[in-house]
């Protein structure tokens, strides 16, 4: 696995009462494929993330909070 770049991606938060996202750090390993880091902000007692640290995810560009960002949309099994 070759890490191309570290970038901020967005992960949907579950059970928040409305749609909410958490920005987290992740490592690009292929085009639109990232491994979630998030170690600096992950707290399972505080938030429930749709995808967890160390998961391999596919991302898409989406419009959130006034800008285009990368959003994790599905887990990729190895």
N, C-alpha and C. Protein backbone atom coordinates (compact mmCIF):
# COMPACT_ATOMS: atom_id res chain seq x y z
N UNK A 1 0.85 -1.18 0.00
CA UNK A 1 0.00 0.00 0.00
C UNK A 1 0.89 1.24 0.00
N UNK A 2 0.58 2.15 -0.90
CA UNK A 2 1.33 3.40 -1.00
C UNK A 2 0.43 4.54 -0.55
N UNK A 3 0.88 5.29 0.42
CA UNK A 3 0.12 6.44 0.89
C UNK A 3 0.49 7.62 0.02
N UNK A 4 -0.52 8.20 -0.63
CA UNK A 4 -0.28 9.32 -1.53
C UNK A 4 -0.31 10.66 -0.80
N UNK A 5 -1.30 10.84 0.09
CA UNK A 5 -1.47 12.14 0.71
C UNK A 5 -2.37 12.03 1.93
N UNK A 6 -2.14 12.90 2.90
CA UNK A 6 -3.04 13.01 4.06
C UNK A 6 -4.02 14.14 3.75
N UNK A 7 -5.29 13.89 4.03
CA UNK A 7 -6.32 14.87 3.70
C UNK A 7 -7.43 14.78 4.75
N UNK A 8 -8.20 15.82 4.87
CA UNK A 8 -9.38 15.79 5.73
C UNK A 8 -10.56 15.28 4.92
N UNK A 9 -11.22 14.25 5.44
CA UNK A 9 -12.46 13.76 4.84
C UNK A 9 -13.56 13.90 5.89
N UNK A 10 -14.80 13.71 5.48
CA UNK A 10 -15.92 13.86 6.39
C UNK A 10 -16.64 12.53 6.55
N UNK A 11 -16.99 12.22 7.80
CA UNK A 11 -17.69 10.98 8.14
C UNK A 11 -19.02 11.36 8.79
N UNK A 12 -20.09 10.70 8.34
CA UNK A 12 -21.39 11.00 8.92
C UNK A 12 -21.46 10.47 10.35
N UNK A 13 -22.08 11.28 11.21
CA UNK A 13 -22.33 10.89 12.59
C UNK A 13 -23.71 10.26 12.67
N UNK A 14 -23.83 9.19 13.41
CA UNK A 14 -25.10 8.49 13.56
C UNK A 14 -25.79 8.89 14.85
N UNK A 15 -27.10 8.77 14.86
CA UNK A 15 -27.92 9.03 16.05
C UNK A 15 -27.76 10.44 16.61
N UNK A 16 -27.66 11.42 15.72
CA UNK A 16 -27.51 12.82 16.15
C UNK A 16 -28.82 13.59 16.12
N UNK A 17 -29.89 13.01 15.57
CA UNK A 17 -31.16 13.72 15.47
C UNK A 17 -31.30 14.50 14.17
N UNK A 18 -30.20 14.82 13.54
CA UNK A 18 -30.17 15.45 12.22
C UNK A 18 -28.89 15.00 11.53
N UNK A 19 -28.78 15.29 10.26
CA UNK A 19 -27.58 14.88 9.51
C UNK A 19 -26.40 15.73 9.97
N UNK A 20 -25.34 15.07 10.42
CA UNK A 20 -24.15 15.76 10.89
C UNK A 20 -22.91 15.00 10.44
N UNK A 21 -21.83 15.72 10.23
CA UNK A 21 -20.58 15.13 9.77
C UNK A 21 -19.43 15.58 10.65
N UNK A 22 -18.42 14.73 10.76
CA UNK A 22 -17.21 15.01 11.52
C UNK A 22 -16.03 15.05 10.54
N UNK A 23 -15.27 16.14 10.51
CA UNK A 23 -14.04 16.13 9.70
C UNK A 23 -12.97 15.30 10.41
N UNK A 24 -12.31 14.42 9.68
CA UNK A 24 -11.26 13.58 10.25
C UNK A 24 -10.10 13.47 9.27
N UNK A 25 -8.93 13.21 9.78
CA UNK A 25 -7.78 13.01 8.91
C UNK A 25 -7.82 11.59 8.35
N UNK A 26 -7.34 11.46 7.11
CA UNK A 26 -7.32 10.16 6.44
C UNK A 26 -6.17 10.16 5.44
N UNK A 27 -5.76 8.96 5.04
CA UNK A 27 -4.64 8.80 4.11
C UNK A 27 -5.15 8.24 2.80
N UNK A 28 -4.89 8.97 1.72
CA UNK A 28 -5.28 8.50 0.39
C UNK A 28 -4.36 7.36 -0.03
N UNK A 29 -4.94 6.24 -0.45
CA UNK A 29 -4.13 5.11 -0.91
C UNK A 29 -4.38 4.79 -2.38
N UNK A 30 -5.50 5.24 -2.90
CA UNK A 30 -5.84 5.16 -4.32
C UNK A 30 -6.76 6.33 -4.60
N UNK A 31 -7.06 6.56 -5.87
CA UNK A 31 -7.99 7.63 -6.19
C UNK A 31 -9.34 7.33 -5.53
N UNK A 32 -9.81 8.26 -4.72
CA UNK A 32 -11.09 8.17 -3.99
C UNK A 32 -11.14 7.06 -2.94
N UNK A 33 -10.00 6.51 -2.56
CA UNK A 33 -9.95 5.47 -1.53
C UNK A 33 -9.00 5.94 -0.42
N UNK A 34 -9.51 5.92 0.82
CA UNK A 34 -8.76 6.44 1.96
C UNK A 34 -8.80 5.46 3.12
N UNK A 35 -7.79 5.54 3.97
CA UNK A 35 -7.81 4.85 5.26
C UNK A 35 -7.99 5.93 6.32
N UNK A 36 -9.02 5.75 7.14
CA UNK A 36 -9.35 6.75 8.16
C UNK A 36 -8.33 6.71 9.28
N UNK A 37 -7.82 7.88 9.64
CA UNK A 37 -6.98 8.01 10.82
C UNK A 37 -7.91 8.42 11.96
N UNK A 38 -8.15 9.68 12.12
CA UNK A 38 -9.11 10.16 13.11
C UNK A 38 -8.71 9.93 14.55
N UNK A 39 -7.51 9.42 14.78
CA UNK A 39 -7.10 9.11 16.16
C UNK A 39 -7.09 10.34 17.05
N UNK A 40 -6.92 11.52 16.46
CA UNK A 40 -6.84 12.74 17.24
C UNK A 40 -8.21 13.20 17.76
N UNK A 41 -9.30 12.65 17.21
CA UNK A 41 -10.62 13.14 17.63
C UNK A 41 -11.65 12.04 17.89
N UNK A 42 -11.30 10.78 17.68
CA UNK A 42 -12.29 9.71 17.87
C UNK A 42 -12.54 9.44 19.35
N UNK A 43 -13.81 9.53 19.74
CA UNK A 43 -14.22 9.23 21.11
C UNK A 43 -15.57 8.52 21.03
N UNK A 44 -15.58 7.18 21.11
CA UNK A 44 -16.83 6.44 20.96
C UNK A 44 -17.85 6.72 22.07
N UNK A 45 -17.41 7.31 23.17
CA UNK A 45 -18.35 7.68 24.23
C UNK A 45 -19.08 8.98 23.92
N UNK A 46 -18.55 9.74 22.95
CA UNK A 46 -19.11 11.05 22.62
C UNK A 46 -19.91 11.04 21.31
N UNK A 47 -19.42 10.30 20.29
CA UNK A 47 -20.04 10.28 18.97
C UNK A 47 -20.03 8.87 18.40
N UNK A 48 -21.03 8.59 17.57
CA UNK A 48 -21.06 7.32 16.85
C UNK A 48 -20.80 7.62 15.38
N UNK A 49 -19.63 7.17 14.90
CA UNK A 49 -19.24 7.41 13.51
C UNK A 49 -19.77 6.30 12.62
N UNK A 50 -20.16 6.66 11.40
CA UNK A 50 -20.59 5.66 10.43
C UNK A 50 -19.43 4.73 10.06
N UNK A 51 -18.23 5.28 9.97
CA UNK A 51 -17.01 4.51 9.66
C UNK A 51 -15.98 4.81 10.74
N UNK A 52 -15.22 3.81 11.13
CA UNK A 52 -14.30 3.94 12.26
C UNK A 52 -12.85 4.10 11.82
N UNK A 53 -11.97 4.57 12.73
CA UNK A 53 -10.55 4.66 12.40
C UNK A 53 -10.02 3.32 11.88
N UNK A 54 -9.11 3.41 10.94
CA UNK A 54 -8.44 2.30 10.27
C UNK A 54 -9.30 1.60 9.22
N UNK A 55 -10.54 2.04 9.03
CA UNK A 55 -11.34 1.46 7.95
C UNK A 55 -10.89 2.05 6.61
N UNK A 56 -11.02 1.23 5.61
CA UNK A 56 -10.73 1.64 4.22
C UNK A 56 -12.06 2.05 3.61
N UNK A 57 -12.17 3.31 3.12
CA UNK A 57 -13.44 3.82 2.63
C UNK A 57 -13.31 4.45 1.25
N UNK A 58 -14.43 4.43 0.54
CA UNK A 58 -14.54 5.13 -0.74
C UNK A 58 -15.15 6.48 -0.46
N UNK A 59 -14.62 7.55 -1.06
CA UNK A 59 -15.14 8.89 -0.84
C UNK A 59 -15.67 9.49 -2.13
N UNK A 60 -16.60 10.41 -1.97
CA UNK A 60 -17.12 11.21 -3.09
C UNK A 60 -17.08 12.66 -2.69
N UNK A 61 -16.92 13.53 -3.67
CA UNK A 61 -16.99 14.96 -3.40
C UNK A 61 -18.46 15.34 -3.24
N UNK A 62 -18.76 16.09 -2.18
CA UNK A 62 -20.13 16.55 -1.91
C UNK A 62 -20.08 17.99 -1.42
N UNK A 63 -21.19 18.67 -1.57
CA UNK A 63 -21.32 20.04 -1.10
C UNK A 63 -21.84 20.02 0.34
N UNK A 64 -21.02 20.45 1.29
CA UNK A 64 -21.41 20.53 2.70
C UNK A 64 -20.95 21.86 3.27
N UNK A 65 -21.78 22.46 4.07
CA UNK A 65 -21.40 23.68 4.82
C UNK A 65 -20.72 24.73 3.96
N UNK A 66 -21.26 24.95 2.80
CA UNK A 66 -20.74 26.03 1.96
C UNK A 66 -19.53 25.69 1.11
N UNK A 67 -19.17 24.41 0.99
CA UNK A 67 -18.02 24.07 0.17
C UNK A 67 -18.04 22.61 -0.27
N UNK A 68 -17.17 22.30 -1.20
CA UNK A 68 -17.03 20.93 -1.69
C UNK A 68 -16.01 20.21 -0.81
N UNK A 69 -16.40 19.05 -0.27
CA UNK A 69 -15.53 18.27 0.60
C UNK A 69 -15.59 16.80 0.18
N UNK A 70 -14.66 16.01 0.71
CA UNK A 70 -14.64 14.57 0.46
C UNK A 70 -15.41 13.88 1.59
N UNK A 71 -16.44 13.09 1.23
CA UNK A 71 -17.28 12.43 2.21
C UNK A 71 -17.15 10.91 2.04
N UNK A 72 -16.89 10.20 3.14
CA UNK A 72 -16.84 8.73 3.10
C UNK A 72 -18.24 8.21 2.87
N UNK A 73 -18.41 7.33 1.86
CA UNK A 73 -19.76 6.85 1.57
C UNK A 73 -19.90 5.34 1.70
N UNK A 74 -18.80 4.58 1.66
CA UNK A 74 -18.93 3.15 1.90
C UNK A 74 -17.59 2.55 2.29
N UNK A 75 -17.68 1.50 3.11
CA UNK A 75 -16.48 0.78 3.52
C UNK A 75 -16.05 -0.14 2.40
N UNK A 76 -14.76 -0.25 2.17
CA UNK A 76 -14.21 -1.18 1.18
C UNK A 76 -13.50 -2.29 1.92
N UNK A 77 -13.92 -3.49 1.69
CA UNK A 77 -13.25 -4.65 2.29
C UNK A 77 -12.01 -4.96 1.46
N UNK A 78 -10.98 -5.44 2.11
CA UNK A 78 -9.74 -5.75 1.40
C UNK A 78 -9.80 -7.07 0.71
